[in-house]
Amino acid sequence: QVQLEESGGGLVQPGGSLRLSCVGSGDISGYVIGWHRQAAGQERETDGFITYSGHTHLYPSAKDRFDISRDVAKRTVYLEMNNLKPETTAVYYCKLRDSHSWGRGTQVTVSE
């Protein structure tokens, strides 16, 4: 099973944009991969996922400002985040839908 690693987090001002990357250890085209976030003291929630065929589904909390895409040749799934707000500060994770294994995630902090 392919292993995933997140990167691209950082400090961004409100209203700014950020693109997170999720790189696979092997071919990602055969997997459904989701993006999730967990804010301090809160439960983990799902932003969306991308399917085997490259179709994406964004959950309501992410639908207006986030987008998910992938580059199979680079073994990478992206989470594009726009118009960021302080309440989207969290650790962001990518995960195979059919796996129970979580990576270390990447911290996104939205602040002045």
C-alpha atoms as a PDB file:
ATOM      1  CA  GLN A   1       0.000   0.000   0.000  1.00  0.00           C
ATOM      2  CA  VAL A   2       1.325   3.431  -0.894  1.00  0.00           C
ATOM      3  CA  GLN A   3       2.462   5.722   1.887  1.00  0.00           C
ATOM      4  CA  LEU A   4       1.579   9.431   1.851  1.00  0.00           C
ATOM      5  CA  GLU A   5       3.425  12.464   3.155  1.00  0.00           C
ATOM      6  CA  GLU A   6       2.015  15.964   3.528  1.00  0.00           C
ATOM      7  CA  SER A   7       3.893  19.226   3.041  1.00  0.00           C
ATOM      8  CA  GLY A   8       3.360  22.865   2.180  1.00  0.00           C
ATOM      9  CA  GLY A   9       1.902  24.218   5.391  1.00  0.00           C
ATOM     10  CA  GLY A  10       2.951  27.460   6.979  1.00  0.00           C
ATOM     11  CA  LEU A  11       1.859  30.833   8.240  1.00  0.00           C
ATOM     12  CA  VAL A  12      -0.452  32.797   5.977  1.00  0.00           C
ATOM     13  CA  GLN A  13      -2.413  35.996   6.468  1.00  0.00           C
ATOM     14  CA  PRO A  14      -6.206  36.022   6.415  1.00  0.00           C
ATOM     15  CA  GLY A  15      -7.434  36.180   2.848  1.00  0.00           C
ATOM     16  CA  GLY A  16      -4.300  34.508   1.566  1.00  0.00           C
ATOM     17  CA  SER A  17      -3.832  31.265  -0.323  1.00  0.00           C
ATOM     18  CA  LEU A  18      -1.813  28.136   0.187  1.00  0.00           C
ATOM     19  CA  ARG A  19      -1.316  24.881  -1.675  1.00  0.00           C
ATOM     20  CA  LEU A  20      -0.624  21.718   0.242  1.00  0.00           C
ATOM     21  CA  SER A  21       0.973  18.675  -1.313  1.00  0.00           C
ATOM     22  CA  CYS A  22       0.505  14.999  -0.559  1.00  0.00           C
ATOM     23  CA  VAL A  23       3.204  12.857  -2.138  1.00  0.00           C
ATOM     24  CA  GLY A  24       2.828   9.127  -2.500  1.00  0.00           C
ATOM     25  CA  SER A  25       5.584   6.548  -2.218  1.00  0.00           C
ATOM     26  CA  GLY A  26       4.215   4.911  -5.336  1.00  0.00           C
ATOM     27  CA  ASP A  27       1.495   5.124  -7.949  1.00  0.00           C
ATOM     28  CA  ILE A  28      -1.517   6.992  -6.519  1.00  0.00           C
ATOM     29  CA  SER A  29      -3.886   6.513  -9.452  1.00  0.00           C
ATOM     30  CA  GLY A  30      -5.567   3.471  -7.951  1.00  0.00           C
ATOM     31  CA  TYR A  31      -6.535   5.102  -4.684  1.00  0.00           C
ATOM     32  CA  VAL A  32      -9.192   7.390  -3.311  1.00  0.00           C
ATOM     33  CA  ILE A  33      -7.310  10.019  -1.316  1.00  0.00           C
ATOM     34  CA  GLY A  34      -8.848  12.467   1.102  1.00  0.00           C
ATOM     35  CA  TRP A  35      -7.784  15.682   2.744  1.00  0.00           C
ATOM     36  CA  HIS A  36      -8.661  16.215   6.404  1.00  0.00           C
ATOM     37  CA  ARG A  37      -7.913  18.766   9.065  1.00  0.00           C
ATOM     38  CA  GLN A  38      -7.796  18.883  12.820  1.00  0.00           C
ATOM     39  CA  ALA A  39      -7.797  22.117  14.768  1.00  0.00           C
ATOM     40  CA  ALA A  40      -6.430  22.184  18.289  1.00  0.00           C
ATOM     41  CA  GLY A  41      -8.887  20.673  20.723  1.00  0.00           C
ATOM     42  CA  GLN A  42     -11.309  19.646  18.016  1.00  0.00           C
ATOM     43  CA  GLU A  43     -12.172  16.481  16.171  1.00  0.00           C
ATOM     44  CA  ARG A  44     -10.696  15.730  12.809  1.00  0.00           C
ATOM     45  CA  GLU A  45     -12.912  16.678   9.877  1.00  0.00           C
ATOM     46  CA  THR A  46     -12.838  15.928   6.179  1.00  0.00           C
ATOM     47  CA  ASP A  47     -12.446  18.604   3.525  1.00  0.00           C
ATOM     48  CA  GLY A  48     -12.856  16.346   0.523  1.00  0.00           C
ATOM     49  CA  PHE A  49     -11.392  13.585  -1.579  1.00  0.00           C
ATOM     50  CA  ILE A  50     -10.309  12.685  -5.092  1.00  0.00           C
ATOM     51  CA  THR A  51     -11.356   9.436  -6.719  1.00  0.00           C
ATOM     52  CA  TYR A  52      -9.606   6.848  -8.901  1.00  0.00           C
ATOM     53  CA  SER A  53     -10.710   8.691 -12.023  1.00  0.00           C
ATOM     54  CA  GLY A  54      -9.666  12.085 -10.761  1.00  0.00           C
ATOM     55  CA  HIS A  55     -13.112  13.348  -9.820  1.00  0.00           C
ATOM     56  CA  THR A  56     -13.229  15.438  -6.686  1.00  0.00           C
ATOM     57  CA  HIS A  57     -15.801  15.843  -3.956  1.00  0.00           C
ATOM     58  CA  LEU A  58     -15.566  18.724  -1.535  1.00  0.00           C
ATOM     59  CA  TYR A  59     -17.446  18.770   1.721  1.00  0.00           C
ATOM     60  CA  PRO A  60     -19.584  21.828   2.556  1.00  0.00           C
ATOM     61  CA  SER A  61     -16.979  23.338   4.901  1.00  0.00           C
ATOM     62  CA  ALA A  62     -14.460  23.456   2.062  1.00  0.00           C
ATOM     63  CA  LYS A  63     -16.568  23.755  -1.062  1.00  0.00           C
ATOM     64  CA  ASP A  64     -16.390  27.498  -1.628  1.00  0.00           C
ATOM     65  CA  ARG A  65     -12.701  28.063  -0.991  1.00  0.00           C
ATOM     66  CA  PHE A  66     -10.814  24.794  -1.436  1.00  0.00           C
ATOM     67  CA  ASP A  67     -10.010  22.610  -4.399  1.00  0.00           C
ATOM     68  CA  ILE A  68      -8.404  19.201  -4.754  1.00  0.00           C
ATOM     69  CA  SER A  69      -6.376  18.056  -7.729  1.00  0.00           C
ATOM     70  CA  ARG A  70      -3.694  15.544  -8.524  1.00  0.00           C
ATOM     71  CA  ASP A  71      -0.686  14.978 -10.755  1.00  0.00           C
ATOM     72  CA  VAL A  72      -0.355  11.239 -11.214  1.00  0.00           C
ATOM     73  CA  ALA A  73       3.052  11.548 -12.859  1.00  0.00           C
ATOM     74  CA  LYS A  74       4.338  13.328  -9.750  1.00  0.00           C
ATOM     75  CA  ARG A  75       2.442  10.958  -7.428  1.00  0.00           C
ATOM     76  CA  THR A  76       0.987  14.042  -5.771  1.00  0.00           C
ATOM     77  CA  VAL A  77      -2.443  15.181  -4.621  1.00  0.00           C
ATOM     78  CA  TYR A  78      -2.926  18.879  -3.914  1.00  0.00           C
ATOM     79  CA  LEU A  79      -5.214  20.874  -1.661  1.00  0.00           C
ATOM     80  CA  GLU A  80      -5.566  24.414  -2.941  1.00  0.00           C
ATOM     81  CA  MET A  81      -6.881  26.744  -0.270  1.00  0.00           C
ATOM     82  CA  ASN A  82      -8.017  30.284  -1.018  1.00  0.00           C
ATOM     83  CA  ASN A  83      -9.366  33.171   1.013  1.00  0.00           C
ATOM     84  CA  LEU A  84      -8.098  31.562   4.171  1.00  0.00           C
ATOM     85  CA  LYS A  85      -9.630  32.458   7.505  1.00  0.00           C
ATOM     86  CA  PRO A  86      -8.230  32.167  11.032  1.00  0.00           C
ATOM     87  CA  GLU A  87     -10.710  29.373  11.787  1.00  0.00           C
ATOM     88  CA  THR A  88      -9.061  27.187   9.159  1.00  0.00           C
ATOM     89  CA  THR A  89      -5.913  27.021  11.261  1.00  0.00           C
ATOM     90  CA  ALA A  90      -5.290  23.324  11.742  1.00  0.00           C
ATOM     91  CA  VAL A  91      -3.035  20.411  11.015  1.00  0.00           C
ATOM     92  CA  TYR A  92      -3.893  19.088   7.565  1.00  0.00           C
ATOM     93  CA  TYR A  93      -3.616  15.444   6.637  1.00  0.00           C
ATOM     94  CA  CYS A  94      -4.032  13.370   3.531  1.00  0.00           C
ATOM     95  CA  LYS A  95      -5.038   9.739   3.805  1.00  0.00           C
ATOM     96  CA  LEU A  96      -5.995   6.799   1.692  1.00  0.00           C
ATOM     97  CA  ARG A  97      -9.726   6.267   2.100  1.00  0.00           C
ATOM     98  CA  ASP A  98      -9.225   2.572   2.766  1.00  0.00           C
ATOM     99  CA  SER A  99      -6.441   3.015   5.296  1.00  0.00           C
ATOM    100  CA  HIS A 100      -6.540   3.653   9.026  1.00  0.00           C
ATOM    101  CA  SER A 101      -3.013   5.062   9.016  1.00  0.00           C
ATOM    102  CA  TRP A 102      -2.468   8.779   9.496  1.00  0.00           C
ATOM    103  CA  GLY A 103       0.699  10.677   8.648  1.00  0.00           C
ATOM    104  CA  ARG A 104       2.263  13.548  10.566  1.00  0.00           C
ATOM    105  CA  GLY A 105       0.295  16.191   8.733  1.00  0.00           C
ATOM    106  CA  THR A 106       1.317  19.741   7.932  1.00  0.00           C
ATOM    107  CA  GLN A 107       0.462  22.758  10.062  1.00  0.00           C
ATOM    108  CA  VAL A 108      -1.444  25.653   8.533  1.00  0.00           C
ATOM    109  CA  THR A 109      -1.733  28.804  10.612  1.00  0.00           C
ATOM    110  CA  VAL A 110      -3.865  31.693   9.427  1.00  0.00           C
ATOM    111  CA  SER A 111      -3.006  34.832  11.339  1.00  0.00           C
ATOM    112  CA  GLU A 112      -1.939  38.451  10.930  1.00  0.00           C
END
